[in-house]
Amino acid sequence: MNELLIVDKQLTPKEKPSIKREMEIIEDDSFNYDGYQVVRGEFFSHLYEPCITFNNFKVYMNTACIKKLPETDYVQILVNQEKKKLAVRPCSEESKDSFRWCSATAKRTPKQVTCRVFYGKITELMGWNPSYRYKLVGKLIQSNGQLLFIFDLTAPEIFTRTSKDGEKARTSRKPVYPSEWEHQFGVPVEEHQKSLQIDIFDGYALFGMNDKSTKNNMESEDMTHE
């Protein structure tokens, strides 16, 4: 009975197909970024990008924010009224105007914080409709050795609400954008680079999220340190 013997022959380097291929790169020193716009991140899916949402007199950051700062439980919000920028920076529980941005569970899910006074001031500053939902995409940056999230208040995704007689108001699932974005992809490269170059102490005001200082009866709705 004949037996079939299979021999695993090792190919020599000359016999092996070439895996590496040279990448063709064209040298062009005449290229520059004049006339180019950096396409806005809001035009792409940003499930894993840092976002902050204003909705129904509440503010909250998404899971992506919390995951990027896994050791942070408390934060502060700062607003630059002139530059229309909002910053969220980590802090200790004892810091003035701090609030907990996530649950106290192992999953650390986003926490919606009721803040009627702050909500009203932001919507007034930006001319927003307080009945709509506004979502801002931001970036985690480092300034003066400190990590913080920066959000551009002039670049919201707007989710409108409509209602018919006798029916509950419905929030649109499709966002609309500021009208000035209609004929542009984004901002020029140079402007885009400057947008994240900030000085955390330059024009930023610290906002308290606690409504208890107001002379109304909204203390029970405040969730700052729950």
C-alpha atoms as a PDB file:
ATOM      1  CA  MET A   1       0.000   0.000   0.000  1.00  0.00           C
ATOM      2  CA  ASN A   2       1.502   3.230  -1.093  1.00  0.00           C
ATOM      3  CA  GLU A   3       1.572   6.046   1.427  1.00  0.00           C
ATOM      4  CA  LEU A   4       1.320   9.677   0.437  1.00  0.00           C
ATOM      5  CA  LEU A   5       4.020  11.772   2.024  1.00  0.00           C
ATOM      6  CA  ILE A   6       3.332  15.503   2.229  1.00  0.00           C
ATOM      7  CA  VAL A   7       6.351  17.680   2.705  1.00  0.00           C
ATOM      8  CA  ASP A   8       5.912  21.282   3.846  1.00  0.00           C
ATOM      9  CA  LYS A   9       8.465  23.017   1.732  1.00  0.00           C
ATOM     10  CA  GLN A  10       9.757  26.306   3.037  1.00  0.00           C
ATOM     11  CA  LEU A  11       9.940  28.952   0.366  1.00  0.00           C
ATOM     12  CA  THR A  12      13.151  30.832  -0.046  1.00  0.00           C
ATOM     13  CA  PRO A  13      13.079  34.645   0.230  1.00  0.00           C
ATOM     14  CA  LYS A  14      13.281  34.859  -3.556  1.00  0.00           C
ATOM     15  CA  GLU A  15      10.272  32.576  -3.940  1.00  0.00           C
ATOM     16  CA  LYS A  16       8.056  34.421  -1.418  1.00  0.00           C
ATOM     17  CA  PRO A  17       5.715  37.028  -2.893  1.00  0.00           C
ATOM     18  CA  SER A  18       6.667  40.559  -1.970  1.00  0.00           C
ATOM     19  CA  ILE A  19       4.291  41.899   0.709  1.00  0.00           C
ATOM     20  CA  LYS A  20       5.791  45.318   1.040  1.00  0.00           C
ATOM     21  CA  ARG A  21       5.099  47.707  -1.752  1.00  0.00           C
ATOM     22  CA  GLU A  22       6.646  51.057  -2.138  1.00  0.00           C
ATOM     23  CA  MET A  23       4.294  53.946  -1.468  1.00  0.00           C
ATOM     24  CA  GLU A  24       4.255  56.511  -4.189  1.00  0.00           C
ATOM     25  CA  ILE A  25       4.580  60.012  -2.750  1.00  0.00           C
ATOM     26  CA  ILE A  26       4.569  63.056  -4.936  1.00  0.00           C
ATOM     27  CA  GLU A  27       6.636  65.997  -3.746  1.00  0.00           C
ATOM     28  CA  ASP A  28       4.723  69.267  -4.123  1.00  0.00           C
ATOM     29  CA  ASP A  29       6.178  72.204  -2.225  1.00  0.00           C
ATOM     30  CA  SER A  30       3.693  74.572  -3.839  1.00  0.00           C
ATOM     31  CA  PHE A  31       0.742  73.234  -1.787  1.00  0.00           C
ATOM     32  CA  ASN A  32      -0.720  75.462   0.912  1.00  0.00           C
ATOM     33  CA  TYR A  33      -3.959  75.615   2.893  1.00  0.00           C
ATOM     34  CA  ASP A  34      -5.232  78.878   1.442  1.00  0.00           C
ATOM     35  CA  GLY A  35      -8.916  78.509   0.593  1.00  0.00           C
ATOM     36  CA  TYR A  36      -9.321  75.223   2.469  1.00  0.00           C
ATOM     37  CA  GLN A  37     -11.891  74.772   5.222  1.00  0.00           C
ATOM     38  CA  VAL A  38     -11.712  72.169   7.960  1.00  0.00           C
ATOM     39  CA  VAL A  39     -14.996  70.272   7.696  1.00  0.00           C
ATOM     40  CA  ARG A  40     -17.033  70.680  10.858  1.00  0.00           C
ATOM     41  CA  GLY A  41     -17.107  67.687  13.175  1.00  0.00           C
ATOM     42  CA  GLU A  42     -20.832  68.247  13.618  1.00  0.00           C
ATOM     43  CA  PHE A  43     -21.345  66.970  10.060  1.00  0.00           C
ATOM     44  CA  PHE A  44     -20.026  63.519  11.031  1.00  0.00           C
ATOM     45  CA  SER A  45     -21.199  60.888  13.448  1.00  0.00           C
ATOM     46  CA  HIS A  46     -19.785  61.763  16.860  1.00  0.00           C
ATOM     47  CA  LEU A  47     -20.947  58.972  19.127  1.00  0.00           C
ATOM     48  CA  TYR A  48     -17.490  58.781  20.679  1.00  0.00           C
ATOM     49  CA  GLU A  49     -16.798  62.529  20.726  1.00  0.00           C
ATOM     50  CA  PRO A  50     -17.219  64.717  23.825  1.00  0.00           C
ATOM     51  CA  CYS A  51     -20.646  66.391  23.824  1.00  0.00           C
ATOM     52  CA  ILE A  52     -22.657  68.588  26.167  1.00  0.00           C
ATOM     53  CA  THR A  53     -26.433  68.920  25.913  1.00  0.00           C
ATOM     54  CA  PHE A  54     -28.857  71.598  27.077  1.00  0.00           C
ATOM     55  CA  ASN A  55     -32.407  70.303  27.309  1.00  0.00           C
ATOM     56  CA  ASN A  56     -35.489  71.059  29.379  1.00  0.00           C
ATOM     57  CA  PHE A  57     -33.624  73.238  31.920  1.00  0.00           C
ATOM     58  CA  LYS A  58     -30.979  70.566  32.375  1.00  0.00           C
ATOM     59  CA  VAL A  59     -27.373  70.177  31.272  1.00  0.00           C
ATOM     60  CA  TYR A  60     -25.364  66.982  30.918  1.00  0.00           C
ATOM     61  CA  MET A  61     -22.213  65.612  29.300  1.00  0.00           C
ATOM     62  CA  ASN A  62     -22.179  62.345  27.384  1.00  0.00           C
ATOM     63  CA  THR A  63     -20.463  59.052  28.167  1.00  0.00           C
ATOM     64  CA  ALA A  64     -17.506  59.919  25.935  1.00  0.00           C
ATOM     65  CA  CYS A  65     -16.618  62.838  28.234  1.00  0.00           C
ATOM     66  CA  ILE A  66     -16.762  60.690  31.345  1.00  0.00           C
ATOM     67  CA  LYS A  67     -14.658  57.924  29.803  1.00  0.00           C
ATOM     68  CA  LYS A  68     -11.945  60.365  28.787  1.00  0.00           C
ATOM     69  CA  LEU A  69     -11.567  61.427  32.436  1.00  0.00           C
ATOM     70  CA  PRO A  70     -12.147  58.178  34.343  1.00  0.00           C
ATOM     71  CA  GLU A  71     -10.820  59.546  37.637  1.00  0.00           C
ATOM     72  CA  THR A  72     -13.076  62.623  37.626  1.00  0.00           C
ATOM     73  CA  ASP A  73     -16.394  62.722  39.492  1.00  0.00           C
ATOM     74  CA  TYR A  74     -16.861  66.479  39.887  1.00  0.00           C
ATOM     75  CA  VAL A  75     -16.482  69.312  37.403  1.00  0.00           C
ATOM     76  CA  GLN A  76     -16.993  73.065  37.058  1.00  0.00           C
ATOM     77  CA  ILE A  77     -18.449  74.967  34.113  1.00  0.00           C
ATOM     78  CA  LEU A  78     -16.841  78.177  32.889  1.00  0.00           C
ATOM     79  CA  VAL A  79     -18.242  80.503  30.232  1.00  0.00           C
ATOM     80  CA  ASN A  80     -16.519  83.143  28.132  1.00  0.00           C
ATOM     81  CA  GLN A  81     -19.329  85.505  27.152  1.00  0.00           C
ATOM     82  CA  GLU A  82     -17.197  87.453  24.688  1.00  0.00           C
ATOM     83  CA  LYS A  83     -15.784  84.478  22.785  1.00  0.00           C
ATOM     84  CA  LYS A  84     -18.934  82.385  23.229  1.00  0.00           C
ATOM     85  CA  LYS A  85     -16.974  79.409  24.553  1.00  0.00           C
ATOM     86  CA  LEU A  86     -17.864  77.012  27.357  1.00  0.00           C
ATOM     87  CA  ALA A  87     -15.292  75.027  29.323  1.00  0.00           C
ATOM     88  CA  VAL A  88     -15.794  72.017  31.584  1.00  0.00           C
ATOM     89  CA  ARG A  89     -12.888  71.318  33.896  1.00  0.00           C
ATOM     90  CA  PRO A  90     -12.278  68.608  36.514  1.00  0.00           C
ATOM     91  CA  CYS A  91     -12.210  69.617  40.163  1.00  0.00           C
ATOM     92  CA  SER A  92     -12.638  68.225  43.630  1.00  0.00           C
ATOM     93  CA  GLU A  93     -15.961  67.828  45.396  1.00  0.00           C
ATOM     94  CA  GLU A  94     -14.966  70.603  47.803  1.00  0.00           C
ATOM     95  CA  SER A  95     -14.279  73.150  45.055  1.00  0.00           C
ATOM     96  CA  LYS A  96     -16.652  76.098  44.848  1.00  0.00           C
ATOM     97  CA  ASP A  97     -19.481  75.637  42.329  1.00  0.00           C
ATOM     98  CA  SER A  98     -18.545  72.017  41.627  1.00  0.00           C
ATOM     99  CA  PHE A  99     -21.192  69.483  40.678  1.00  0.00           C
ATOM    100  CA  ARG A 100     -21.223  65.762  40.064  1.00  0.00           C
ATOM    101  CA  TRP A 101     -21.389  64.972  36.348  1.00  0.00           C
ATOM    102  CA  CYS A 102     -21.847  61.204  36.618  1.00  0.00           C
ATOM    103  CA  SER A 103     -23.647  58.679  38.744  1.00  0.00           C
ATOM    104  CA  ALA A 104     -22.029  57.294  41.871  1.00  0.00           C
ATOM    105  CA  THR A 105     -22.253  53.748  40.500  1.00  0.00           C
ATOM    106  CA  ALA A 106     -19.558  51.584  38.950  1.00  0.00           C
ATOM    107  CA  LYS A 107     -20.878  52.314  35.455  1.00  0.00           C
ATOM    108  CA  ARG A 108     -20.493  56.091  35.954  1.00  0.00           C
ATOM    109  CA  THR A 109     -23.339  57.032  33.630  1.00  0.00           C
ATOM    110  CA  PRO A 110     -23.983  60.690  32.667  1.00  0.00           C
ATOM    111  CA  LYS A 111     -25.950  62.711  35.206  1.00  0.00           C
ATOM    112  CA  GLN A 112     -28.544  65.258  34.125  1.00  0.00           C
ATOM    113  CA  VAL A 113     -28.275  68.334  36.313  1.00  0.00           C
ATOM    114  CA  THR A 114     -31.188  70.719  36.696  1.00  0.00           C
ATOM    115  CA  CYS A 115     -29.982  74.327  36.479  1.00  0.00           C
ATOM    116  CA  ARG A 116     -32.793  76.745  35.634  1.00  0.00           C
ATOM    117  CA  VAL A 117     -30.828  79.920  36.288  1.00  0.00           C
ATOM    118  CA  PHE A 118     -27.748  78.845  34.326  1.00  0.00           C
ATOM    119  CA  TYR A 119     -29.938  77.391  31.556  1.00  0.00           C
ATOM    120  CA  GLY A 120     -31.787  80.682  31.279  1.00  0.00           C
ATOM    121  CA  LYS A 121     -28.579  82.713  31.150  1.00  0.00           C
ATOM    122  CA  ILE A 122     -27.093  80.547  28.387  1.00  0.00           C
ATOM    123  CA  THR A 123     -30.234  80.621  26.252  1.00  0.00           C
ATOM    124  CA  GLU A 124     -30.448  84.403  26.700  1.00  0.00           C
ATOM    125  CA  LEU A 125     -26.763  84.878  25.854  1.00  0.00           C
ATOM    126  CA  MET A 126     -27.016  82.811  22.668  1.00  0.00           C
ATOM    127  CA  GLY A 127     -30.565  83.711  21.663  1.00  0.00           C
ATOM    128  CA  TRP A 128     -31.608  80.059  21.905  1.00  0.00           C
ATOM    129  CA  ASN A 129     -35.169  78.807  22.168  1.00  0.00           C
ATOM    130  CA  PRO A 130     -35.407  77.336  25.701  1.00  0.00           C
ATOM    131  CA  SER A 131     -37.921  74.765  24.421  1.00  0.00           C
ATOM    132  CA  TYR A 132     -35.416  73.226  21.999  1.00  0.00           C
ATOM    133  CA  ARG A 133     -32.580  70.804  22.693  1.00  0.00           C
ATOM    134  CA  TYR A 134     -29.053  71.999  21.944  1.00  0.00           C
ATOM    135  CA  LYS A 135     -26.056  69.695  21.588  1.00  0.00           C
ATOM    136  CA  LEU A 136     -22.443  70.856  21.317  1.00  0.00           C
ATOM    137  CA  VAL A 137     -19.469  68.794  20.164  1.00  0.00           C
ATOM    138  CA  GLY A 138     -16.213  69.621  21.946  1.00  0.00           C
ATOM    139  CA  LYS A 139     -12.589  68.663  22.369  1.00  0.00           C
ATOM    140  CA  LEU A 140     -10.459  67.621  25.314  1.00  0.00           C
ATOM    141  CA  ILE A 141      -7.457  69.939  25.493  1.00  0.00           C
ATOM    142  CA  GLN A 142      -4.655  70.751  27.892  1.00  0.00           C
ATOM    143  CA  SER A 143      -4.113  74.368  28.904  1.00  0.00           C
ATOM    144  CA  ASN A 144      -1.572  75.515  31.472  1.00  0.00           C
ATOM    145  CA  GLY A 145      -1.061  71.902  32.484  1.00  0.00           C
ATOM    146  CA  GLN A 146      -4.783  71.335  33.094  1.00  0.00           C
ATOM    147  CA  LEU A 147      -7.153  69.086  31.141  1.00  0.00           C
ATOM    148  CA  LEU A 148     -10.530  70.512  30.173  1.00  0.00           C
ATOM    149  CA  PHE A 149     -13.248  70.229  27.573  1.00  0.00           C
ATOM    150  CA  ILE A 150     -13.924  73.185  25.278  1.00  0.00           C
ATOM    151  CA  PHE A 151     -17.263  73.727  23.515  1.00  0.00           C
ATOM    152  CA  ASP A 152     -18.148  76.394  20.976  1.00  0.00           C
ATOM    153  CA  LEU A 153     -21.543  77.851  21.873  1.00  0.00           C
ATOM    154  CA  THR A 154     -21.960  79.239  18.365  1.00  0.00           C
ATOM    155  CA  ALA A 155     -21.877  75.745  16.823  1.00  0.00           C
ATOM    156  CA  PRO A 156     -24.849  73.816  18.230  1.00  0.00           C
ATOM    157  CA  GLU A 157     -26.885  71.016  16.804  1.00  0.00           C
ATOM    158  CA  ILE A 158     -30.471  72.155  17.259  1.00  0.00           C
ATOM    159  CA  PHE A 159     -33.308  69.699  17.834  1.00  0.00           C
ATOM    160  CA  THR A 160     -36.584  71.554  17.440  1.00  0.00           C
ATOM    161  CA  ARG A 161     -39.846  70.748  19.187  1.00  0.00           C
ATOM    162  CA  THR A 162     -43.250  70.944  17.626  1.00  0.00           C
ATOM    163  CA  SER A 163     -46.685  70.261  19.051  1.00  0.00           C
ATOM    164  CA  LYS A 164     -50.219  69.984  17.779  1.00  0.00           C
ATOM    165  CA  ASP A 165     -53.373  70.835  19.663  1.00  0.00           C
ATOM    166  CA  GLY A 166     -53.981  68.287  22.366  1.00  0.00           C
ATOM    167  CA  GLU A 167     -50.789  66.372  21.640  1.00  0.00           C
ATOM    168  CA  LYS A 168     -47.517  66.102  23.497  1.00  0.00           C
ATOM    169  CA  ALA A 169     -44.653  68.094  22.022  1.00  0.00           C
ATOM    170  CA  ARG A 170     -42.329  66.050  19.828  1.00  0.00           C
ATOM    171  CA  THR A 171     -38.593  66.588  19.498  1.00  0.00           C
ATOM    172  CA  SER A 172     -37.117  66.285  16.027  1.00  0.00           C
ATOM    173  CA  ARG A 173     -34.623  63.442  15.644  1.00  0.00           C
ATOM    174  CA  LYS A 174     -32.856  65.285  12.845  1.00  0.00           C
ATOM    175  CA  PRO A 175     -30.764  68.277  13.927  1.00  0.00           C
ATOM    176  CA  VAL A 176     -30.683  71.613  12.184  1.00  0.00           C
ATOM    177  CA  TYR A 177     -27.645  73.859  12.120  1.00  0.00           C
ATOM    178  CA  PRO A 178     -27.012  77.612  12.225  1.00  0.00           C
ATOM    179  CA  SER A 179     -28.081  79.268   8.961  1.00  0.00           C
ATOM    180  CA  GLU A 180     -24.588  80.648   8.288  1.00  0.00           C
ATOM    181  CA  TRP A 181     -23.318  77.074   7.822  1.00  0.00           C
ATOM    182  CA  GLU A 182     -25.484  76.555   4.752  1.00  0.00           C
ATOM    183  CA  HIS A 183     -22.853  77.578   2.198  1.00  0.00           C
ATOM    184  CA  GLN A 184     -19.709  76.370   3.954  1.00  0.00           C
ATOM    185  CA  PHE A 185     -18.025  73.146   5.021  1.00  0.00           C
ATOM    186  CA  GLY A 186     -16.286  74.618   8.051  1.00  0.00           C
ATOM    187  CA  VAL A 187     -13.806  77.330   8.965  1.00  0.00           C
ATOM    188  CA  PRO A 188     -10.448  78.210   7.377  1.00  0.00           C
ATOM    189  CA  VAL A 189      -7.469  76.179   8.577  1.00  0.00           C
ATOM    190  CA  GLU A 190      -5.801  79.066  10.404  1.00  0.00           C
ATOM    191  CA  GLU A 191      -9.001  80.002  12.227  1.00  0.00           C
ATOM    192  CA  HIS A 192      -9.554  76.373  13.143  1.00  0.00           C
ATOM    193  CA  GLN A 193      -6.087  76.117  14.716  1.00  0.00           C
ATOM    194  CA  LYS A 194      -6.681  79.239  16.793  1.00  0.00           C
ATOM    195  CA  SER A 195     -10.074  78.048  18.020  1.00  0.00           C
ATOM    196  CA  LEU A 196      -8.544  75.689  20.594  1.00  0.00           C
ATOM    197  CA  GLN A 197      -5.737  78.006  21.677  1.00  0.00           C
ATOM    198  CA  ILE A 198      -7.224  79.436  24.840  1.00  0.00           C
ATOM    199  CA  ASP A 199      -6.107  80.803  28.148  1.00  0.00           C
ATOM    200  CA  ILE A 200      -8.356  79.341  30.829  1.00  0.00           C
ATOM    201  CA  PHE A 201      -7.969  82.530  32.886  1.00  0.00           C
ATOM    202  CA  ASP A 202      -8.715  84.899  30.007  1.00  0.00           C
ATOM    203  CA  GLY A 203     -12.310  86.080  30.102  1.00  0.00           C
ATOM    204  CA  TYR A 204     -13.834  82.919  31.558  1.00  0.00           C
ATOM    205  CA  ALA A 205     -16.352  83.199  34.380  1.00  0.00           C
ATOM    206  CA  LEU A 206     -17.147  80.336  36.749  1.00  0.00           C
ATOM    207  CA  PHE A 207     -20.853  79.506  36.850  1.00  0.00           C
ATOM    208  CA  GLY A 208     -22.524  77.900  39.828  1.00  0.00           C
ATOM    209  CA  MET A 209     -25.034  75.175  39.015  1.00  0.00           C
ATOM    210  CA  ASN A 210     -26.882  75.477  42.323  1.00  0.00           C
ATOM    211  CA  ASP A 211     -30.269  77.170  41.999  1.00  0.00           C
ATOM    212  CA  LYS A 212     -30.693  77.439  45.771  1.00  0.00           C
ATOM    213  CA  SER A 213     -29.351  80.976  45.765  1.00  0.00           C
ATOM    214  CA  THR A 214     -32.418  82.176  43.838  1.00  0.00           C
ATOM    215  CA  LYS A 215     -35.464  83.502  45.640  1.00  0.00           C
ATOM    216  CA  ASN A 216     -37.891  81.036  44.175  1.00  0.00           C
ATOM    217  CA  ASN A 217     -39.065  77.649  45.339  1.00  0.00           C
ATOM    218  CA  MET A 218     -36.968  75.513  43.041  1.00  0.00           C
ATOM    219  CA  GLU A 219     -34.680  74.069  45.714  1.00  0.00           C
ATOM    220  CA  SER A 220     -36.230  70.637  45.400  1.00  0.00           C
ATOM    221  CA  GLU A 221     -35.395  70.508  41.693  1.00  0.00           C
ATOM    222  CA  ASP A 222     -31.706  71.239  42.086  1.00  0.00           C
ATOM    223  CA  MET A 223     -29.531  68.133  41.687  1.00  0.00           C
ATOM    224  CA  THR A 224     -26.127  69.675  42.028  1.00  0.00           C
ATOM    225  CA  HIS A 225     -24.680  67.352  44.663  1.00  0.00           C
ATOM    226  CA  GLU A 226     -27.034  64.410  44.613  1.00  0.00           C
END
